[in-house]
Amino acid sequence: MAKRLSDVAKKVGVSEATVSRVLNDKPGVSQATRDAVLTALDVLGYERPTKLRGERGRLVGLVLPELVNPIFPALAEVIGGALAQQGFTPVLCTRTAGGITEAEYIDLLLGQHVSGVIFAGGLFAERDADHSHYHRLEKIGLPVVLLNGAIESLHFPRVSCDEIVAMQQAIGHVLSLGHERIGLLLGPDDHIPSERKLDAAERLAKRAGVTIDPALVAHSQYALEAGQASTNRLLDAGATAIVCASDPLALGAIRAVRRAGLEVPRDVSVVGYDDSALMNSTDPALTTVRQPIEPMGRAVVDLLARQIAGTEVPADELLFEPELVVRASTAAAPARVGAR
């Protein structure tokens, strides 16, 4: 008992007397401290007192921003399967407009005494968002892994697709087809992966002797309709190729091109990102950068399981290399078509 009190007190940063009050369910301790002590018990492998066990049973929260983009159900399937193989049960939490927030989901998950949380795309990647619930998890020491780029002040292990390599592949592909007016259709301007994509694209284009005109950079919400609206500005600026930050954005771009009386890829080439379900069945089949979601999902679960087992895991970013999948939505720049 003495060792348990000492270990938990050291983990949480409180006195042994405070730990004792929590274990004996005594008043005078804040809810945040109670949560931290109980989480430390779980992480260190100590059993909770019977009256404090609740319904806990190796649960892991899986927080997703949406399910409309096919990449997120695919990630949920990979991560859920990997969690099951490790003996965990995923608790799926999906954000919707006007629905439960990430912070509210954290309250619910802590109430279920989850062993850890996986965030696959969320507010951690948005500079201007509220990040207090992440700092709360960090303070209580709950195992957490983030999937894809995060703001610098969060010190959790991260697994990401390499945005620099992705843009090397996408920009390199359209440059090789003779495009010089290259449009970028990205996520919100405070979104870390979009920041990385923009920076990489500008550096790569400059190296190739091509300048990406600021008028050829559009920021959008991650939705087909938003992508369609933003593409109109890129077409007005003379884009002959559009590199997009997601497949739904790319589908929105194709729709906008057609509604402008143009054709893909004869007049405008379009490149997506993710290679989510059915992108080989669109009209035209979408050229896109494929995220390796199978190994990424398994790496996320491995990092979380190691933390839950009490192993120290560095708060580093593990990068996975994507793959360009060339299909029918890209072709030679219009000025070069007659020279074939």
Foldseek 3Di string as FASTA:
>chain_A
DVVLLVQLCVQQVHHSVLLVCLLVVHDDDDPLSNLLSLLSCQLAVHDRPPVPPPQADQEEEEEEAAPPAQLVVVLCVLLQVLCVVVVHHYDYHYHDVVDDAPLNVLVVVSVNVHQAYEYEDDCQQFPPDDCVSLVSCVSSLRQYEYEADGDPVRQHAYEYAPLLLQLCVVVVVQVVLVFQQEAEEEEAPRGNSRVNNVVSNQVVCVVVVGHHPPQRYFYFHPALCRLLVRLVSNVVVPGLEYEYAAPSSQNSNQVNCVVVVHHFNLRHAYEHEAPGPCLVPDVPRHWYKHDPSNVRSNVRSVSRVCSSNVHDDGSYYHYDYIHTDDTRRHHHHNVCPVVD
